[in-house]
Amino acid sequence: MIDLPPAFVCEVVKVHDGDGPLWCRNGMKVRVAGIQAPDYENAQPCRTRRANYVCDDRAAAASQRVAQRFTLYKRLTCQPVDRSYKRVVARCTLPDGRSLSCAMLAAGAATRWDTYWRRYRMGACR
C-alpha cells in the first residue's frame, strides 16, 4: 500500500510543465493526475497515436504557460491518489471549483492519459 498524505491545500509557487510538477509553498511537489502534457525532458509522453500535439519545446512552453495561468500563486485543493518519482499525484481543484486536469484538457494544453484517468477515477469533465 502506498503511503499518501491526506487532502491538502497547495499554494503553487512554481510550475515545471503542464502536468507538473507544481511546487507548493510547503515544499510538496504535485503531479497533475490523469493527463499528459508536452514536456521539456523528452518526447515520449507525446506519442503521436495518443496526443493531438507535437512534442517540442514550443509545445512544452505553451502548456506550461497555461498551467501557470491556472495555478501560479493560487491555492488549489488537492486529493492525493498516488506517488510518482518522489511527487504526489493528485486530483486538484482550482479556486473556482473546476478540476485542474479538466481545465488543462479544455484549454488544449494536455491530453487525457486514459490508463491513469481510469485508475484515478477522474470522472467526467463538465
C-alpha atoms as a PDB file:
ATOM      1  CA  MET A   1       0.000   0.000   0.000  1.00  0.00           C
ATOM      2  CA  ILE A   2       1.245   3.463  -0.895  1.00  0.00           C
ATOM      3  CA  ASP A   3       1.589   5.935   1.944  1.00  0.00           C
ATOM      4  CA  LEU A   4      -0.317   9.042   0.833  1.00  0.00           C
ATOM      5  CA  PRO A   5      -0.861  12.284   2.697  1.00  0.00           C
ATOM      6  CA  PRO A   6      -4.404  13.459   3.426  1.00  0.00           C
ATOM      7  CA  ALA A   7      -6.083  16.061   1.214  1.00  0.00           C
ATOM      8  CA  PHE A   8      -4.144  19.310   1.278  1.00  0.00           C
ATOM      9  CA  VAL A   9      -4.078  22.875   0.008  1.00  0.00           C
ATOM     10  CA  CYS A  10      -1.269  23.720  -2.383  1.00  0.00           C
ATOM     11  CA  GLU A  11      -0.315  27.347  -2.876  1.00  0.00           C
ATOM     12  CA  VAL A  12       1.571  26.997  -6.155  1.00  0.00           C
ATOM     13  CA  VAL A  13       4.892  28.844  -6.287  1.00  0.00           C
ATOM     14  CA  LYS A  14       6.446  27.197  -9.376  1.00  0.00           C
ATOM     15  CA  VAL A  15       5.232  25.226 -12.413  1.00  0.00           C
ATOM     16  CA  HIS A  16       7.569  22.961 -14.375  1.00  0.00           C
ATOM     17  CA  ASP A  17       5.336  21.506 -17.115  1.00  0.00           C
ATOM     18  CA  GLY A  18       1.659  21.413 -17.964  1.00  0.00           C
ATOM     19  CA  ASP A  19       1.213  18.222 -15.932  1.00  0.00           C
ATOM     20  CA  GLY A  20       3.667  19.128 -13.197  1.00  0.00           C
ATOM     21  CA  PRO A  21       5.326  19.077 -11.038  1.00  0.00           C
ATOM     22  CA  LEU A  22       3.713  22.008  -9.362  1.00  0.00           C
ATOM     23  CA  TRP A  23       5.724  23.167  -6.366  1.00  0.00           C
ATOM     24  CA  CYS A  24       3.645  24.070  -3.334  1.00  0.00           C
ATOM     25  CA  ARG A  25       4.753  26.697  -0.822  1.00  0.00           C
ATOM     26  CA  ASN A  26       5.048  23.893   1.782  1.00  0.00           C
ATOM     27  CA  GLY A  27       7.672  22.129  -0.378  1.00  0.00           C
ATOM     28  CA  MET A  28       5.419  19.393  -1.735  1.00  0.00           C
ATOM     29  CA  LYS A  29       5.686  18.562  -5.450  1.00  0.00           C
ATOM     30  CA  VAL A  30       2.464  17.617  -7.243  1.00  0.00           C
ATOM     31  CA  ARG A  31       1.999  15.687 -10.492  1.00  0.00           C
ATOM     32  CA  VAL A  32      -1.420  16.510 -12.017  1.00  0.00           C
ATOM     33  CA  ALA A  33      -3.469  13.300 -12.184  1.00  0.00           C
ATOM     34  CA  GLY A  34      -4.862  11.767 -15.349  1.00  0.00           C
ATOM     35  CA  ILE A  35      -3.265  13.965 -18.005  1.00  0.00           C
ATOM     36  CA  GLN A  36      -0.091  14.194 -20.008  1.00  0.00           C
ATOM     37  CA  ALA A  37       1.322  17.396 -21.419  1.00  0.00           C
ATOM     38  CA  PRO A  38       4.301  18.182 -23.622  1.00  0.00           C
ATOM     39  CA  ASP A  39       7.435  18.383 -21.516  1.00  0.00           C
ATOM     40  CA  TYR A  40      10.982  19.623 -21.800  1.00  0.00           C
ATOM     41  CA  GLU A  41      12.679  16.335 -20.831  1.00  0.00           C
ATOM     42  CA  ASN A  42      11.735  14.082 -23.727  1.00  0.00           C
ATOM     43  CA  ALA A  43       9.145  13.436 -26.393  1.00  0.00           C
ATOM     44  CA  GLN A  44       7.950  10.063 -25.122  1.00  0.00           C
ATOM     45  CA  PRO A  45       4.795  11.290 -23.330  1.00  0.00           C
ATOM     46  CA  CYS A  46       3.558  12.765 -26.604  1.00  0.00           C
ATOM     47  CA  ARG A  47       3.214   9.582 -28.617  1.00  0.00           C
ATOM     48  CA  THR A  48       1.617  10.646 -31.868  1.00  0.00           C
ATOM     49  CA  ARG A  49      -1.088   7.951 -31.600  1.00  0.00           C
ATOM     50  CA  ARG A  50      -2.349   9.404 -28.315  1.00  0.00           C
ATOM     51  CA  ALA A  51      -1.757  13.128 -28.387  1.00  0.00           C
ATOM     52  CA  ASN A  52      -3.097  15.804 -30.677  1.00  0.00           C
ATOM     53  CA  TYR A  53       0.032  17.941 -30.499  1.00  0.00           C
ATOM     54  CA  VAL A  54       3.683  17.632 -31.420  1.00  0.00           C
ATOM     55  CA  CYS A  55       6.147  17.396 -28.555  1.00  0.00           C
ATOM     56  CA  ASP A  56       8.759  20.072 -28.797  1.00  0.00           C
ATOM     57  CA  ASP A  57       9.982  22.944 -26.660  1.00  0.00           C
ATOM     58  CA  ARG A  58       7.357  25.326 -28.091  1.00  0.00           C
ATOM     59  CA  ALA A  59       4.509  22.972 -27.177  1.00  0.00           C
ATOM     60  CA  ALA A  60       6.026  22.431 -23.734  1.00  0.00           C
ATOM     61  CA  ALA A  61       6.338  26.179 -23.170  1.00  0.00           C
ATOM     62  CA  ALA A  62       2.747  26.795 -24.292  1.00  0.00           C
ATOM     63  CA  SER A  63       1.413  24.071 -21.982  1.00  0.00           C
ATOM     64  CA  GLN A  64       3.499  25.416 -19.105  1.00  0.00           C
ATOM     65  CA  ARG A  65       2.086  28.931 -19.650  1.00  0.00           C
ATOM     66  CA  VAL A  66      -1.484  27.595 -19.480  1.00  0.00           C
ATOM     67  CA  ALA A  67      -0.707  25.708 -16.255  1.00  0.00           C
ATOM     68  CA  GLN A  68       0.902  28.849 -14.806  1.00  0.00           C
ATOM     69  CA  ARG A  69      -2.154  30.935 -15.736  1.00  0.00           C
ATOM     70  CA  PHE A  70      -4.434  28.469 -13.935  1.00  0.00           C
ATOM     71  CA  THR A  71      -2.283  27.797 -10.868  1.00  0.00           C
ATOM     72  CA  LEU A  72       0.640  30.121 -10.144  1.00  0.00           C
ATOM     73  CA  TYR A  73       0.244  31.858  -6.750  1.00  0.00           C
ATOM     74  CA  LYS A  74      -3.209  30.341  -6.342  1.00  0.00           C
ATOM     75  CA  ARG A  75      -4.477  27.923  -3.712  1.00  0.00           C
ATOM     76  CA  LEU A  76      -5.528  24.535  -5.059  1.00  0.00           C
ATOM     77  CA  THR A  77      -7.317  21.866  -3.067  1.00  0.00           C
ATOM     78  CA  CYS A  78      -5.671  18.534  -3.840  1.00  0.00           C
ATOM     79  CA  GLN A  79      -6.621  14.928  -3.164  1.00  0.00           C
ATOM     80  CA  PRO A  80      -3.618  12.563  -3.419  1.00  0.00           C
ATOM     81  CA  VAL A  81      -4.195   9.423  -5.491  1.00  0.00           C
ATOM     82  CA  ASP A  82      -0.665   8.045  -5.989  1.00  0.00           C
ATOM     83  CA  ARG A  83       3.057   8.752  -5.869  1.00  0.00           C
ATOM     84  CA  SER A  84       5.439   9.063  -8.817  1.00  0.00           C
ATOM     85  CA  TYR A  85       9.131   9.979  -8.792  1.00  0.00           C
ATOM     86  CA  LYS A  86       9.039  11.491  -5.283  1.00  0.00           C
ATOM     87  CA  ARG A  87       5.956  13.533  -6.199  1.00  0.00           C
ATOM     88  CA  VAL A  88       2.393  13.244  -5.028  1.00  0.00           C
ATOM     89  CA  VAL A  89      -0.019  12.523  -7.879  1.00  0.00           C
ATOM     90  CA  ALA A  90      -3.213  14.402  -7.075  1.00  0.00           C
ATOM     91  CA  ARG A  91      -6.621  15.432  -8.350  1.00  0.00           C
ATOM     92  CA  CYS A  92      -6.566  19.178  -7.778  1.00  0.00           C
ATOM     93  CA  THR A  93      -9.401  21.674  -7.791  1.00  0.00           C
ATOM     94  CA  LEU A  94      -8.881  25.287  -8.849  1.00  0.00           C
ATOM     95  CA  PRO A  95     -10.155  28.143  -6.665  1.00  0.00           C
ATOM     96  CA  ASP A  96     -13.210  28.494  -8.960  1.00  0.00           C
ATOM     97  CA  GLY A  97     -14.155  24.820  -8.333  1.00  0.00           C
ATOM     98  CA  ARG A  98     -13.012  23.381 -11.681  1.00  0.00           C
ATOM     99  CA  SER A  99     -10.800  20.335 -11.940  1.00  0.00           C
ATOM    100  CA  LEU A 100      -7.264  21.362 -12.942  1.00  0.00           C
ATOM    101  CA  SER A 101      -6.992  18.239 -15.113  1.00  0.00           C
ATOM    102  CA  CYS A 102     -10.215  19.114 -16.955  1.00  0.00           C
ATOM    103  CA  ALA A 103      -9.201  22.764 -17.327  1.00  0.00           C
ATOM    104  CA  MET A 104      -5.887  21.723 -18.926  1.00  0.00           C
ATOM    105  CA  LEU A 105      -7.753  19.410 -21.317  1.00  0.00           C
ATOM    106  CA  ALA A 106     -10.310  22.070 -22.246  1.00  0.00           C
ATOM    107  CA  ALA A 107      -7.509  24.557 -22.954  1.00  0.00           C
ATOM    108  CA  GLY A 108      -5.833  22.072 -25.310  1.00  0.00           C
ATOM    109  CA  ALA A 109      -2.682  22.156 -23.169  1.00  0.00           C
ATOM    110  CA  ALA A 110      -2.745  18.445 -22.306  1.00  0.00           C
ATOM    111  CA  THR A 111      -4.311  15.209 -23.383  1.00  0.00           C
ATOM    112  CA  ARG A 112      -6.139  12.654 -21.291  1.00  0.00           C
ATOM    113  CA  TRP A 113      -3.956   9.729 -20.240  1.00  0.00           C
ATOM    114  CA  ASP A 114      -6.717   7.107 -20.308  1.00  0.00           C
ATOM    115  CA  THR A 115      -4.906   4.449 -18.261  1.00  0.00           C
ATOM    116  CA  TYR A 116      -4.422   6.819 -15.348  1.00  0.00           C
ATOM    117  CA  TRP A 117      -7.711   8.645 -15.867  1.00  0.00           C
ATOM    118  CA  ARG A 118      -9.484   5.363 -15.155  1.00  0.00           C
ATOM    119  CA  ARG A 119      -7.099   4.260 -12.397  1.00  0.00           C
ATOM    120  CA  TYR A 120      -7.545   7.523 -10.502  1.00  0.00           C
ATOM    121  CA  ARG A 121     -11.323   7.612 -11.136  1.00  0.00           C
ATOM    122  CA  MET A 122     -11.160  11.088 -12.595  1.00  0.00           C
ATOM    123  CA  GLY A 123     -14.775  11.100 -13.794  1.00  0.00           C
ATOM    124  CA  ALA A 124     -16.287  13.290 -16.475  1.00  0.00           C
ATOM    125  CA  CYS A 125     -15.263  16.864 -17.155  1.00  0.00           C
ATOM    126  CA  ARG A 126     -18.026  19.465 -17.071  1.00  0.00           C
END
